[in-house]
Amino acid sequence: MNLILASASPRRSQILNELGVRFDVLPAQVDELNYTVGDPEELVLHNARIKAEWVAEQRIDELILASDTTVALNYKIFNKPTDLQNAHKMLTELSGQTHKVQTSVFRTLFLICNRKFKSRFIT
């Protein structure tokens, strides 16, 4: 059984490499939620889960690791910046403010023998 990282994130690959973990990369082809107001924990849990489930359906009987991260200031959620100007605006708004970084890691295994997911969330 192989570990599949459901992400194209260079940082997530770097972390696994530094830990000496052998893995393959298969970025999930899903439409993530990207709302800007609401519960950041709900957002990252949903996104990590749909990534893991999509990859698990492509790579049956493999261990899938998916993750999602967002930043929130009060009730405003900051998604990935769209460009350099947007990144600058976000950093300016966050500068000097106490904000929350929310990450969810989702591990799943799709077992072909009984066609169901065994999953676990870590937030």
PDB file of N, CA and C in Angstrom:
ATOM      1  N   MET A   1       0.851  -1.175   0.000  1.00  0.00           N
ATOM      2  CA  MET A   1       0.000   0.000   0.000  1.00  0.00           C
ATOM      3  C   MET A   1       0.896   1.236   0.000  1.00  0.00           C
ATOM      4  N   ASN A   2       0.579   2.169  -0.896  1.00  0.00           N
ATOM      5  CA  ASN A   2       1.343   3.409  -1.014  1.00  0.00           C
ATOM      6  C   ASN A   2       0.605   4.560  -0.350  1.00  0.00           C
ATOM      7  N   LEU A   3       1.367   5.568   0.032  1.00  0.00           N
ATOM      8  CA  LEU A   3       0.790   6.810   0.513  1.00  0.00           C
ATOM      9  C   LEU A   3       0.676   7.754  -0.676  1.00  0.00           C
ATOM     10  N   ILE A   4      -0.500   8.334  -0.861  1.00  0.00           N
ATOM     11  CA  ILE A   4      -0.740   9.280  -1.939  1.00  0.00           C
ATOM     12  C   ILE A   4      -1.039  10.638  -1.317  1.00  0.00           C
ATOM     13  N   LEU A   5      -0.267  11.642  -1.685  1.00  0.00           N
ATOM     14  CA  LEU A   5      -0.514  13.004  -1.243  1.00  0.00           C
ATOM     15  C   LEU A   5      -1.461  13.649  -2.239  1.00  0.00           C
ATOM     16  N   ALA A   6      -2.644  14.045  -1.754  1.00  0.00           N
ATOM     17  CA  ALA A   6      -3.676  14.623  -2.624  1.00  0.00           C
ATOM     18  C   ALA A   6      -3.480  16.132  -2.722  1.00  0.00           C
ATOM     19  N   SER A   7      -2.279  16.533  -3.127  1.00  0.00           N
ATOM     20  CA  SER A   7      -1.954  17.961  -3.148  1.00  0.00           C
ATOM     21  C   SER A   7      -0.776  18.219  -4.072  1.00  0.00           C
ATOM     22  N   ALA A   8      -0.813  19.366  -4.723  1.00  0.00           N
ATOM     23  CA  ALA A   8       0.328  19.794  -5.534  1.00  0.00           C
ATOM     24  C   ALA A   8       1.210  20.765  -4.755  1.00  0.00           C
ATOM     25  N   SER A   9       0.940  20.926  -3.470  1.00  0.00           N
ATOM     26  CA  SER A   9       1.668  21.876  -2.638  1.00  0.00           C
ATOM     27  C   SER A   9       3.135  21.469  -2.473  1.00  0.00           C
ATOM     28  N   PRO A  10       4.063  22.319  -2.925  1.00  0.00           N
ATOM     29  CA  PRO A  10       5.480  22.013  -2.725  1.00  0.00           C
ATOM     30  C   PRO A  10       5.838  21.915  -1.245  1.00  0.00           C
ATOM     31  N   ARG A  11       5.204  22.718  -0.406  1.00  0.00           N
ATOM     32  CA  ARG A  11       5.507  22.698   1.030  1.00  0.00           C
ATOM     33  C   ARG A  11       5.087  21.382   1.665  1.00  0.00           C
ATOM     34  N   ARG A  12       3.915  20.871   1.298  1.00  0.00           N
ATOM     35  CA  ARG A  12       3.476  19.600   1.880  1.00  0.00           C
ATOM     36  C   ARG A  12       4.387  18.449   1.431  1.00  0.00           C
ATOM     37  N   SER A  13       4.808  18.470   0.176  1.00  0.00           N
ATOM     38  CA  SER A  13       5.766  17.464  -0.303  1.00  0.00           C
ATOM     39  C   SER A  13       7.088  17.585   0.448  1.00  0.00           C
ATOM     40  N   GLN A  14       7.538  18.808   0.658  1.00  0.00           N
ATOM     41  CA  GLN A  14       8.791  19.033   1.376  1.00  0.00           C
ATOM     42  C   GLN A  14       8.729  18.466   2.794  1.00  0.00           C
ATOM     43  N   ILE A  15       7.622  18.689   3.484  1.00  0.00           N
ATOM     44  CA  ILE A  15       7.473  18.179   4.845  1.00  0.00           C
ATOM     45  C   ILE A  15       7.572  16.654   4.858  1.00  0.00           C
ATOM     46  N   LEU A  16       6.853  15.995   3.956  1.00  0.00           N
ATOM     47  CA  LEU A  16       6.903  14.534   3.910  1.00  0.00           C
ATOM     48  C   LEU A  16       8.301  14.040   3.547  1.00  0.00           C
ATOM     49  N   ASN A  17       8.968  14.709   2.606  1.00  0.00           N
ATOM     50  CA  ASN A  17      10.334  14.332   2.247  1.00  0.00           C
ATOM     51  C   ASN A  17      11.288  14.481   3.427  1.00  0.00           C
ATOM     52  N   GLU A  18      11.153  15.583   4.167  1.00  0.00           N
ATOM     53  CA  GLU A  18      12.012  15.804   5.328  1.00  0.00           C
ATOM     54  C   GLU A  18      11.791  14.760   6.415  1.00  0.00           C
ATOM     55  N   LEU A  19      10.585  14.203   6.470  1.00  0.00           N
ATOM     56  CA  LEU A  19      10.279  13.140   7.422  1.00  0.00           C
ATOM     57  C   LEU A  19      10.725  11.769   6.922  1.00  0.00           C
ATOM     58  N   GLY A  20      11.197  11.706   5.683  1.00  0.00           N
ATOM     59  CA  GLY A  20      11.643  10.446   5.112  1.00  0.00           C
ATOM     60  C   GLY A  20      10.510   9.547   4.648  1.00  0.00           C
ATOM     61  N   VAL A  21       9.356  10.130   4.405  1.00  0.00           N
ATOM     62  CA  VAL A  21       8.179   9.367   3.983  1.00  0.00           C
ATOM     63  C   VAL A  21       8.200   9.193   2.473  1.00  0.00           C
ATOM     64  N   ARG A  22       7.963   7.977   2.023  1.00  0.00           N
ATOM     65  CA  ARG A  22       7.823   7.726   0.590  1.00  0.00           C
ATOM     66  C   ARG A  22       6.371   7.911   0.200  1.00  0.00           C
ATOM     67  N   PHE A  23       6.143   8.628  -0.887  1.00  0.00           N
ATOM     68  CA  PHE A  23       4.769   8.931  -1.293  1.00  0.00           C
ATOM     69  C   PHE A  23       4.732   9.295  -2.764  1.00  0.00           C
ATOM     70  N   ASP A  24       3.540   9.211  -3.331  1.00  0.00           N
ATOM     71  CA  ASP A  24       3.261   9.694  -4.675  1.00  0.00           C
ATOM     72  C   ASP A  24       2.358  10.910  -4.554  1.00  0.00           C
ATOM     73  N   VAL A  25       2.359  11.753  -5.573  1.00  0.00           N
ATOM     74  CA  VAL A  25       1.527  12.954  -5.583  1.00  0.00           C
ATOM     75  C   VAL A  25       0.445  12.803  -6.648  1.00  0.00           C
ATOM     76  N   LEU A  26      -0.793  13.044  -6.250  1.00  0.00           N
ATOM     77  CA  LEU A  26      -1.911  13.080  -7.182  1.00  0.00           C
ATOM     78  C   LEU A  26      -2.844  14.198  -6.725  1.00  0.00           C
ATOM     79  N   PRO A  27      -2.689  15.400  -7.289  1.00  0.00           N
ATOM     80  CA  PRO A  27      -3.555  16.511  -6.884  1.00  0.00           C
ATOM     81  C   PRO A  27      -5.017  16.222  -7.227  1.00  0.00           C
ATOM     82  N   ALA A  28      -5.875  16.522  -6.289  1.00  0.00           N
ATOM     83  CA  ALA A  28      -7.315  16.309  -6.492  1.00  0.00           C
ATOM     84  C   ALA A  28      -7.873  17.319  -7.484  1.00  0.00           C
ATOM     85  N   GLN A  29      -8.717  16.853  -8.362  1.00  0.00           N
ATOM     86  CA  GLN A  29      -9.385  17.708  -9.343  1.00  0.00           C
ATOM     87  C   GLN A  29     -10.794  17.986  -8.845  1.00  0.00           C
ATOM     88  N   VAL A  30     -10.899  18.889  -7.884  1.00  0.00           N
ATOM     89  CA  VAL A  30     -12.186  19.199  -7.258  1.00  0.00           C
ATOM     90  C   VAL A  30     -12.378  20.711  -7.200  1.00  0.00           C
ATOM     91  N   ASP A  31     -13.622  21.119  -7.032  1.00  0.00           N
ATOM     92  CA  ASP A  31     -13.948  22.526  -6.814  1.00  0.00           C
ATOM     93  C   ASP A  31     -14.044  22.755  -5.312  1.00  0.00           C
ATOM     94  N   GLU A  32     -13.025  23.398  -4.760  1.00  0.00           N
ATOM     95  CA  GLU A  32     -13.002  23.662  -3.327  1.00  0.00           C
ATOM     96  C   GLU A  32     -13.956  24.801  -2.978  1.00  0.00           C
ATOM     97  N   LEU A  33     -14.462  24.749  -1.751  1.00  0.00           N
ATOM     98  CA  LEU A  33     -15.212  25.891  -1.239  1.00  0.00           C
ATOM     99  C   LEU A  33     -14.230  27.030  -1.025  1.00  0.00           C
ATOM    100  N   ASN A  34     -14.622  28.235  -1.368  1.00  0.00           N
ATOM    101  CA  ASN A  34     -13.747  29.395  -1.194  1.00  0.00           C
ATOM    102  C   ASN A  34     -14.514  30.589  -0.658  1.00  0.00           C
ATOM    103  N   TYR A  35     -15.461  30.350   0.237  1.00  0.00           N
ATOM    104  CA  TYR A  35     -16.207  31.484   0.751  1.00  0.00           C
ATOM    105  C   TYR A  35     -15.315  32.337   1.651  1.00  0.00           C
ATOM    106  N   THR A  36     -15.672  33.598   1.817  1.00  0.00           N
ATOM    107  CA  THR A  36     -14.812  34.541   2.539  1.00  0.00           C
ATOM    108  C   THR A  36     -15.364  34.952   3.898  1.00  0.00           C
ATOM    109  N   VAL A  37     -16.551  34.500   4.230  1.00  0.00           N
ATOM    110  CA  VAL A  37     -17.129  34.760   5.545  1.00  0.00           C
ATOM    111  C   VAL A  37     -17.730  33.459   6.038  1.00  0.00           C
ATOM    112  N   GLY A  38     -17.480  33.126   7.294  1.00  0.00           N
ATOM    113  CA  GLY A  38     -18.048  31.904   7.843  1.00  0.00           C
ATOM    114  C   GLY A  38     -17.082  31.211   8.771  1.00  0.00           C
ATOM    115  N   ASP A  39     -17.258  29.934   8.914  1.00  0.00           N
ATOM    116  CA  ASP A  39     -16.469  29.120   9.830  1.00  0.00           C
ATOM    117  C   ASP A  39     -15.259  28.531   9.094  1.00  0.00           C
ATOM    118  N   PRO A  40     -14.042  29.000   9.401  1.00  0.00           N
ATOM    119  CA  PRO A  40     -12.871  28.479   8.687  1.00  0.00           C
ATOM    120  C   PRO A  40     -12.630  26.993   8.935  1.00  0.00           C
ATOM    121  N   GLU A  41     -12.997  26.503  10.118  1.00  0.00           N
ATOM    122  CA  GLU A  41     -12.815  25.077  10.389  1.00  0.00           C
ATOM    123  C   GLU A  41     -13.707  24.234   9.481  1.00  0.00           C
ATOM    124  N   GLU A  42     -14.952  24.652   9.319  1.00  0.00           N
ATOM    125  CA  GLU A  42     -15.872  23.953   8.422  1.00  0.00           C
ATOM    126  C   GLU A  42     -15.333  23.945   6.987  1.00  0.00           C
ATOM    127  N   LEU A  43     -14.784  25.069   6.566  1.00  0.00           N
ATOM    128  CA  LEU A  43     -14.237  25.202   5.217  1.00  0.00           C
ATOM    129  C   LEU A  43     -13.094  24.219   4.975  1.00  0.00           C
ATOM    130  N   VAL A  44     -12.108  24.196   5.876  1.00  0.00           N
ATOM    131  CA  VAL A  44     -10.946  23.328   5.645  1.00  0.00           C
ATOM    132  C   VAL A  44     -11.297  21.850   5.814  1.00  0.00           C
ATOM    133  N   LEU A  45     -12.232  21.542   6.714  1.00  0.00           N
ATOM    134  CA  LEU A  45     -12.666  20.145   6.847  1.00  0.00           C
ATOM    135  C   LEU A  45     -13.326  19.665   5.561  1.00  0.00           C
ATOM    136  N   HIS A  46     -14.207  20.480   5.003  1.00  0.00           N
ATOM    137  CA  HIS A  46     -14.885  20.116   3.758  1.00  0.00           C
ATOM    138  C   HIS A  46     -13.876  19.931   2.624  1.00  0.00           C
ATOM    139  N   ASN A  47     -12.995  20.909   2.447  1.00  0.00           N
ATOM    140  CA  ASN A  47     -12.054  20.845   1.330  1.00  0.00           C
ATOM    141  C   ASN A  47     -11.088  19.669   1.440  1.00  0.00           C
ATOM    142  N   ALA A  48     -10.580  19.410   2.630  1.00  0.00           N
ATOM    143  CA  ALA A  48      -9.679  18.264   2.799  1.00  0.00           C
ATOM    144  C   ALA A  48     -10.409  16.956   2.499  1.00  0.00           C
ATOM    145  N   ARG A  49     -11.649  16.866   2.937  1.00  0.00           N
ATOM    146  CA  ARG A  49     -12.411  15.633   2.712  1.00  0.00           C
ATOM    147  C   ARG A  49     -12.687  15.387   1.226  1.00  0.00           C
ATOM    148  N   ILE A  50     -13.127  16.408   0.502  1.00  0.00           N
ATOM    149  CA  ILE A  50     -13.444  16.163  -0.916  1.00  0.00           C
ATOM    150  C   ILE A  50     -12.179  15.858  -1.716  1.00  0.00           C
ATOM    151  N   LYS A  51     -11.056  16.437  -1.331  1.00  0.00           N
ATOM    152  CA  LYS A  51      -9.792  16.102  -2.002  1.00  0.00           C
ATOM    153  C   LYS A  51      -9.432  14.636  -1.761  1.00  0.00           C
ATOM    154  N   ALA A  52      -9.520  14.219  -0.506  1.00  0.00           N
ATOM    155  CA  ALA A  52      -9.173  12.828  -0.162  1.00  0.00           C
ATOM    156  C   ALA A  52     -10.091  11.840  -0.862  1.00  0.00           C
ATOM    157  N   GLU A  53     -11.371  12.129  -0.879  1.00  0.00           N
ATOM    158  CA  GLU A  53     -12.318  11.197  -1.494  1.00  0.00           C
ATOM    159  C   GLU A  53     -12.132  11.112  -3.002  1.00  0.00           C
ATOM    160  N   TRP A  54     -11.837  12.237  -3.653  1.00  0.00           N
ATOM    161  CA  TRP A  54     -11.618  12.206  -5.106  1.00  0.00           C
ATOM    162  C   TRP A  54     -10.397  11.355  -5.438  1.00  0.00           C
ATOM    163  N   VAL A  55      -9.310  11.571  -4.729  1.00  0.00           N
ATOM    164  CA  VAL A  55      -8.082  10.809  -5.005  1.00  0.00           C
ATOM    165  C   VAL A  55      -8.278   9.340  -4.640  1.00  0.00           C
ATOM    166  N   ALA A  56      -8.991   9.069  -3.553  1.00  0.00           N
ATOM    167  CA  ALA A  56      -9.220   7.673  -3.152  1.00  0.00           C
ATOM    168  C   ALA A  56      -9.997   6.901  -4.205  1.00  0.00           C
ATOM    169  N   GLU A  57     -10.890   7.566  -4.916  1.00  0.00           N
ATOM    170  CA  GLU A  57     -11.629   6.881  -5.982  1.00  0.00           C
ATOM    171  C   GLU A  57     -10.746   6.600  -7.195  1.00  0.00           C
ATOM    172  N   GLN A  58      -9.663   7.363  -7.356  1.00  0.00           N
ATOM    173  CA  GLN A  58      -8.722   7.132  -8.452  1.00  0.00           C
ATOM    174  C   GLN A  58      -7.694   6.067  -8.091  1.00  0.00           C
ATOM    175  N   ARG A  59      -7.352   5.983  -6.820  1.00  0.00           N
ATOM    176  CA  ARG A  59      -6.282   5.102  -6.338  1.00  0.00           C
ATOM    177  C   ARG A  59      -6.827   4.202  -5.239  1.00  0.00           C
ATOM    178  N   ILE A  60      -7.596   3.215  -5.640  1.00  0.00           N
ATOM    179  CA  ILE A  60      -8.242   2.297  -4.714  1.00  0.00           C
ATOM    180  C   ILE A  60      -7.196   1.477  -3.972  1.00  0.00           C
ATOM    181  N   ASP A  61      -7.475   1.219  -2.702  1.00  0.00           N
ATOM    182  CA  ASP A  61      -6.604   0.460  -1.792  1.00  0.00           C
ATOM    183  C   ASP A  61      -5.272   1.170  -1.524  1.00  0.00           C
ATOM    184  N   GLU A  62      -5.272   2.479  -1.604  1.00  0.00           N
ATOM    185  CA  GLU A  62      -4.091   3.272  -1.265  1.00  0.00           C
ATOM    186  C   GLU A  62      -4.459   4.174  -0.088  1.00  0.00           C
ATOM    187  N   LEU A  63      -3.473   4.530   0.694  1.00  0.00           N
ATOM    188  CA  LEU A  63      -3.674   5.445   1.806  1.00  0.00           C
ATOM    189  C   LEU A  63      -3.541   6.870   1.278  1.00  0.00           C
ATOM    190  N   ILE A  64      -4.572   7.674   1.492  1.00  0.00           N
ATOM    191  CA  ILE A  64      -4.616   9.031   0.937  1.00  0.00           C
ATOM    192  C   ILE A  64      -4.459  10.040   2.065  1.00  0.00           C
ATOM    193  N   LEU A  65      -3.635  11.045   1.817  1.00  0.00           N
ATOM    194  CA  LEU A  65      -3.441  12.138   2.759  1.00  0.00           C
ATOM    195  C   LEU A  65      -3.785  13.441   2.039  1.00  0.00           C
ATOM    196  N   ALA A  66      -4.793  14.135   2.553  1.00  0.00           N
ATOM    197  CA  ALA A  66      -5.219  15.403   1.957  1.00  0.00           C
ATOM    198  C   ALA A  66      -5.268  16.449   3.057  1.00  0.00           C
ATOM    199  N   SER A  67      -5.117  17.701   2.656  1.00  0.00           N
ATOM    200  CA  SER A  67      -5.091  18.773   3.631  1.00  0.00           C
ATOM    201  C   SER A  67      -5.632  20.052   3.017  1.00  0.00           C
ATOM    202  N   ASP A  68      -6.033  20.965   3.883  1.00  0.00           N
ATOM    203  CA  ASP A  68      -6.436  22.293   3.444  1.00  0.00           C
ATOM    204  C   ASP A  68      -6.117  23.267   4.567  1.00  0.00           C
ATOM    205  N   THR A  69      -5.720  24.466   4.205  1.00  0.00           N
ATOM    206  CA  THR A  69      -5.359  25.496   5.170  1.00  0.00           C
ATOM    207  C   THR A  69      -5.964  26.817   4.748  1.00  0.00           C
ATOM    208  N   THR A  70      -6.396  27.580   5.729  1.00  0.00           N
ATOM    209  CA  THR A  70      -6.862  28.931   5.465  1.00  0.00           C
ATOM    210  C   THR A  70      -6.497  29.822   6.643  1.00  0.00           C
ATOM    211  N   VAL A  71      -6.603  31.100   6.428  1.00  0.00           N
ATOM    212  CA  VAL A  71      -6.337  32.099   7.457  1.00  0.00           C
ATOM    213  C   VAL A  71      -7.612  32.888   7.680  1.00  0.00           C
ATOM    214  N   ALA A  72      -7.905  33.187   8.944  1.00  0.00           N
ATOM    215  CA  ALA A  72      -9.113  33.960   9.253  1.00  0.00           C
ATOM    216  C   ALA A  72      -8.770  35.080  10.233  1.00  0.00           C
ATOM    217  N   LEU A  73      -9.395  36.206  10.007  1.00  0.00           N
ATOM    218  CA  LEU A  73      -9.298  37.358  10.895  1.00  0.00           C
ATOM    219  C   LEU A  73     -10.723  37.725  11.271  1.00  0.00           C
ATOM    220  N   ASN A  74     -11.051  37.515  12.550  1.00  0.00           N
ATOM    221  CA  ASN A  74     -12.427  37.661  13.011  1.00  0.00           C
ATOM    222  C   ASN A  74     -13.303  36.706  12.197  1.00  0.00           C
ATOM    223  N   TYR A  75     -14.234  37.200  11.428  1.00  0.00           N
ATOM    224  CA  TYR A  75     -15.105  36.310  10.642  1.00  0.00           C
ATOM    225  C   TYR A  75     -14.765  36.332   9.153  1.00  0.00           C
ATOM    226  N   LYS A  76     -13.667  36.972   8.796  1.00  0.00           N
ATOM    227  CA  LYS A  76     -13.269  37.038   7.392  1.00  0.00           C
ATOM    228  C   LYS A  76     -12.241  35.946   7.106  1.00  0.00           C
ATOM    229  N   ILE A  77     -12.488  35.180   6.055  1.00  0.00           N
ATOM    230  CA  ILE A  77     -11.591  34.094   5.650  1.00  0.00           C
ATOM    231  C   ILE A  77     -10.751  34.576   4.470  1.00  0.00           C
ATOM    232  N   PHE A  78      -9.464  34.350   4.559  1.00  0.00           N
ATOM    233  CA  PHE A  78      -8.534  34.713   3.494  1.00  0.00           C
ATOM    234  C   PHE A  78      -8.147  33.451   2.732  1.00  0.00           C
ATOM    235  N   ASN A  79      -8.584  33.358   1.501  1.00  0.00           N
ATOM    236  CA  ASN A  79      -8.227  32.219   0.656  1.00  0.00           C
ATOM    237  C   ASN A  79      -6.882  32.480  -0.007  1.00  0.00           C
ATOM    238  N   LYS A  80      -6.443  31.549  -0.833  1.00  0.00           N
ATOM    239  CA  LYS A  80      -5.168  31.724  -1.538  1.00  0.00           C
ATOM    240  C   LYS A  80      -5.215  33.011  -2.351  1.00  0.00           C
ATOM    241  N   PRO A  81      -4.148  33.797  -2.276  1.00  0.00           N
ATOM    242  CA  PRO A  81      -4.141  35.037  -3.074  1.00  0.00           C
ATOM    243  C   PRO A  81      -4.165  34.725  -4.559  1.00  0.00           C
ATOM    244  N   THR A  82      -4.850  35.576  -5.295  1.00  0.00           N
ATOM    245  CA  THR A  82      -4.997  35.371  -6.730  1.00  0.00           C
ATOM    246  C   THR A  82      -3.812  35.908  -7.516  1.00  0.00           C
ATOM    247  N   ASP A  83      -3.118  36.870  -6.944  1.00  0.00           N
ATOM    248  CA  ASP A  83      -1.955  37.455  -7.610  1.00  0.00           C
ATOM    249  C   ASP A  83      -1.123  38.202  -6.561  1.00  0.00           C
ATOM    250  N   LEU A  84      -0.027  38.806  -7.000  1.00  0.00           N
ATOM    251  CA  LEU A  84       0.871  39.501  -6.087  1.00  0.00           C
ATOM    252  C   LEU A  84       0.184  40.683  -5.401  1.00  0.00           C
ATOM    253  N   GLN A  85      -0.626  41.411  -6.147  1.00  0.00           N
ATOM    254  CA  GLN A  85      -1.331  42.558  -5.580  1.00  0.00           C
ATOM    255  C   GLN A  85      -2.318  42.103  -4.496  1.00  0.00           C
ATOM    256  N   ASN A  86      -3.036  41.020  -4.764  1.00  0.00           N
ATOM    257  CA  ASN A  86      -3.972  40.477  -3.781  1.00  0.00           C
ATOM    258  C   ASN A  86      -3.226  39.975  -2.538  1.00  0.00           C
ATOM    259  N   ALA A  87      -2.071  39.345  -2.731  1.00  0.00           N
ATOM    260  CA  ALA A  87      -1.264  38.866  -1.601  1.00  0.00           C
ATOM    261  C   ALA A  87      -0.809  40.036  -0.734  1.00  0.00           C
ATOM    262  N   HIS A  88      -0.378  41.109  -1.363  1.00  0.00           N
ATOM    263  CA  HIS A  88       0.058  42.302  -0.622  1.00  0.00           C
ATOM    264  C   HIS A  88      -1.101  42.879   0.186  1.00  0.00           C
ATOM    265  N   LYS A  89      -2.273  42.956  -0.415  1.00  0.00           N
ATOM    266  CA  LYS A  89      -3.452  43.473   0.265  1.00  0.00           C
ATOM    267  C   LYS A  89      -3.795  42.610   1.488  1.00  0.00           C
ATOM    268  N   MET A  90      -3.740  41.293   1.316  1.00  0.00           N
ATOM    269  CA  MET A  90      -4.035  40.378   2.410  1.00  0.00           C
ATOM    270  C   MET A  90      -3.038  40.544   3.545  1.00  0.00           C
ATOM    271  N   LEU A  91      -1.752  40.577   3.217  1.00  0.00           N
ATOM    272  CA  LEU A  91      -0.728  40.704   4.252  1.00  0.00           C
ATOM    273  C   LEU A  91      -0.830  42.029   4.985  1.00  0.00           C
ATOM    274  N   THR A  92      -1.163  43.088   4.265  1.00  0.00           N
ATOM    275  CA  THR A  92      -1.348  44.398   4.888  1.00  0.00           C
ATOM    276  C   THR A  92      -2.505  44.351   5.885  1.00  0.00           C
ATOM    277  N   GLU A  93      -3.598  43.717   5.497  1.00  0.00           N
ATOM    278  CA  GLU A  93      -4.758  43.624   6.372  1.00  0.00           C
ATOM    279  C   GLU A  93      -4.476  42.769   7.617  1.00  0.00           C
ATOM    280  N   LEU A  94      -3.661  41.734   7.457  1.00  0.00           N
ATOM    281  CA  LEU A  94      -3.345  40.843   8.578  1.00  0.00           C
ATOM    282  C   LEU A  94      -2.243  41.395   9.475  1.00  0.00           C
ATOM    283  N   SER A  95      -1.421  42.270   8.950  1.00  0.00           N
ATOM    284  CA  SER A  95      -0.259  42.787   9.674  1.00  0.00           C
ATOM    285  C   SER A  95      -0.651  43.416  11.008  1.00  0.00           C
ATOM    286  N   GLY A  96      -0.012  42.967  12.062  1.00  0.00           N
ATOM    287  CA  GLY A  96      -0.264  43.501  13.395  1.00  0.00           C
ATOM    288  C   GLY A  96      -1.542  43.007  14.043  1.00  0.00           C
ATOM    289  N   GLN A  97      -2.262  42.134  13.377  1.00  0.00           N
ATOM    290  CA  GLN A  97      -3.533  41.607  13.881  1.00  0.00           C
ATOM    291  C   GLN A  97      -3.359  40.154  14.323  1.00  0.00           C
ATOM    292  N   THR A  98      -4.024  39.803  15.386  1.00  0.00           N
ATOM    293  CA  THR A  98      -4.049  38.401  15.781  1.00  0.00           C
ATOM    294  C   THR A  98      -5.042  37.686  14.876  1.00  0.00           C
ATOM    295  N   HIS A  99      -4.552  36.689  14.157  1.00  0.00           N
ATOM    296  CA  HIS A  99      -5.401  35.951  13.233  1.00  0.00           C
ATOM    297  C   HIS A  99      -5.237  34.458  13.481  1.00  0.00           C
ATOM    298  N   LYS A 100      -6.085  33.700  12.870  1.00  0.00           N
ATOM    299  CA  LYS A 100      -6.130  32.256  13.079  1.00  0.00           C
ATOM    300  C   LYS A 100      -5.768  31.540  11.785  1.00  0.00           C
ATOM    301  N   VAL A 101      -4.845  30.603  11.877  1.00  0.00           N
ATOM    302  CA  VAL A 101      -4.517  29.737  10.743  1.00  0.00           C
ATOM    303  C   VAL A 101      -5.165  28.385  11.037  1.00  0.00           C
ATOM    304  N   GLN A 102      -6.059  27.979  10.149  1.00  0.00           N
ATOM    305  CA  GLN A 102      -6.814  26.741  10.351  1.00  0.00           C
ATOM    306  C   GLN A 102      -6.381  25.721   9.307  1.00  0.00           C
ATOM    307  N   THR A 103      -5.940  24.556   9.768  1.00  0.00           N
ATOM    308  CA  THR A 103      -5.540  23.475   8.870  1.00  0.00           C
ATOM    309  C   THR A 103      -6.298  22.213   9.232  1.00  0.00           C
ATOM    310  N   SER A 104      -6.696  21.491   8.219  1.00  0.00           N
ATOM    311  CA  SER A 104      -7.323  20.198   8.413  1.00  0.00           C
ATOM    312  C   SER A 104      -6.558  19.176   7.589  1.00  0.00           C
ATOM    313  N   VAL A 105      -6.284  18.053   8.187  1.00  0.00           N
ATOM    314  CA  VAL A 105      -5.642  16.939   7.485  1.00  0.00           C
ATOM    315  C   VAL A 105      -6.637  15.793   7.492  1.00  0.00           C
ATOM    316  N   PHE A 106      -6.819  15.195   6.346  1.00  0.00           N
ATOM    317  CA  PHE A 106      -7.788  14.118   6.199  1.00  0.00           C
ATOM    318  C   PHE A 106      -7.067  12.902   5.662  1.00  0.00           C
ATOM    319  N   ARG A 107      -7.211  11.793   6.353  1.00  0.00           N
ATOM    320  CA  ARG A 107      -6.601  10.538   5.925  1.00  0.00           C
ATOM    321  C   ARG A 107      -7.728   9.575   5.598  1.00  0.00           C
ATOM    322  N   THR A 108      -7.613   8.913   4.466  1.00  0.00           N
ATOM    323  CA  THR A 108      -8.671   7.973   4.097  1.00  0.00           C
ATOM    324  C   THR A 108      -8.102   6.784   3.324  1.00  0.00           C
ATOM    325  N   LEU A 109      -8.839   5.732   3.357  1.00  0.00           N
ATOM    326  CA  LEU A 109      -8.514   4.525   2.600  1.00  0.00           C
ATOM    327  C   LEU A 109      -9.817   4.020   2.005  1.00  0.00           C
ATOM    328  N   PHE A 110      -9.863   3.910   0.692  1.00  0.00           N
ATOM    329  CA  PHE A 110     -11.056   3.398   0.013  1.00  0.00           C
ATOM    330  C   PHE A 110     -10.827   1.916  -0.211  1.00  0.00           C
ATOM    331  N   LEU A 111     -11.619   1.119   0.449  1.00  0.00           N
ATOM    332  CA  LEU A 111     -11.456  -0.326   0.349  1.00  0.00           C
ATOM    333  C   LEU A 111     -12.388  -0.879  -0.716  1.00  0.00           C
ATOM    334  N   ILE A 112     -11.809  -1.453  -1.740  1.00  0.00           N
ATOM    335  CA  ILE A 112     -12.616  -1.960  -2.853  1.00  0.00           C
ATOM    336  C   ILE A 112     -13.466  -3.157  -2.428  1.00  0.00           C
ATOM    337  N   CYS A 113     -13.013  -3.900  -1.437  1.00  0.00           N
ATOM    338  CA  CYS A 113     -13.759  -5.096  -1.052  1.00  0.00           C
ATOM    339  C   CYS A 113     -15.150  -4.766  -0.508  1.00  0.00           C
ATOM    340  N   ASN A 114     -15.287  -3.636   0.187  1.00  0.00           N
ATOM    341  CA  ASN A 114     -16.621  -3.303   0.689  1.00  0.00           C
ATOM    342  C   ASN A 114     -17.091  -1.932   0.213  1.00  0.00           C
ATOM    343  N   ARG A 115     -16.380  -1.325  -0.720  1.00  0.00           N
ATOM    344  CA  ARG A 115     -16.772  -0.081  -1.384  1.00  0.00           C
ATOM    345  C   ARG A 115     -17.140   1.036  -0.398  1.00  0.00           C
ATOM    346  N   LYS A 116     -16.332   1.200   0.647  1.00  0.00           N
ATOM    347  CA  LYS A 116     -16.597   2.319   1.541  1.00  0.00           C
ATOM    348  C   LYS A 116     -15.283   2.923   2.024  1.00  0.00           C
ATOM    349  N   PHE A 117     -15.400   4.126   2.527  1.00  0.00           N
ATOM    350  CA  PHE A 117     -14.246   4.846   3.026  1.00  0.00           C
ATOM    351  C   PHE A 117     -14.030   4.583   4.496  1.00  0.00           C
ATOM    352  N   LYS A 118     -12.778   4.450   4.870  1.00  0.00           N
ATOM    353  CA  LYS A 118     -12.396   4.524   6.279  1.00  0.00           C
ATOM    354  C   LYS A 118     -11.609   5.823   6.369  1.00  0.00           C
ATOM    355  N   SER A 119     -12.060   6.731   7.218  1.00  0.00           N
ATOM    356  CA  SER A 119     -11.501   8.065   7.219  1.00  0.00           C
ATOM    357  C   SER A 119     -11.244   8.558   8.620  1.00  0.00           C
ATOM    358  N   ARG A 120     -10.381   9.589   8.703  1.00  0.00           N
ATOM    359  CA  ARG A 120     -10.111  10.252   9.963  1.00  0.00           C
ATOM    360  C   ARG A 120      -9.727  11.691   9.704  1.00  0.00           C
ATOM    361  N   PHE A 121     -10.355  12.602  10.444  1.00  0.00           N
ATOM    362  CA  PHE A 121     -10.022  14.015  10.383  1.00  0.00           C
ATOM    363  C   PHE A 121      -9.045  14.362  11.488  1.00  0.00           C
ATOM    364  N   ILE A 122      -8.163  15.274  11.210  1.00  0.00           N
ATOM    365  CA  ILE A 122      -7.297  15.855  12.219  1.00  0.00           C
ATOM    366  C   ILE A 122      -7.345  17.358  11.999  1.00  0.00           C
ATOM    367  N   THR A 123      -7.743  18.113  12.990  1.00  0.00           N
ATOM    368  CA  THR A 123      -7.750  19.570  12.846  1.00  0.00           C
ATOM    369  C   THR A 123      -6.899  20.206  13.914  1.00  0.00           C
TER     370      THR A 123
END
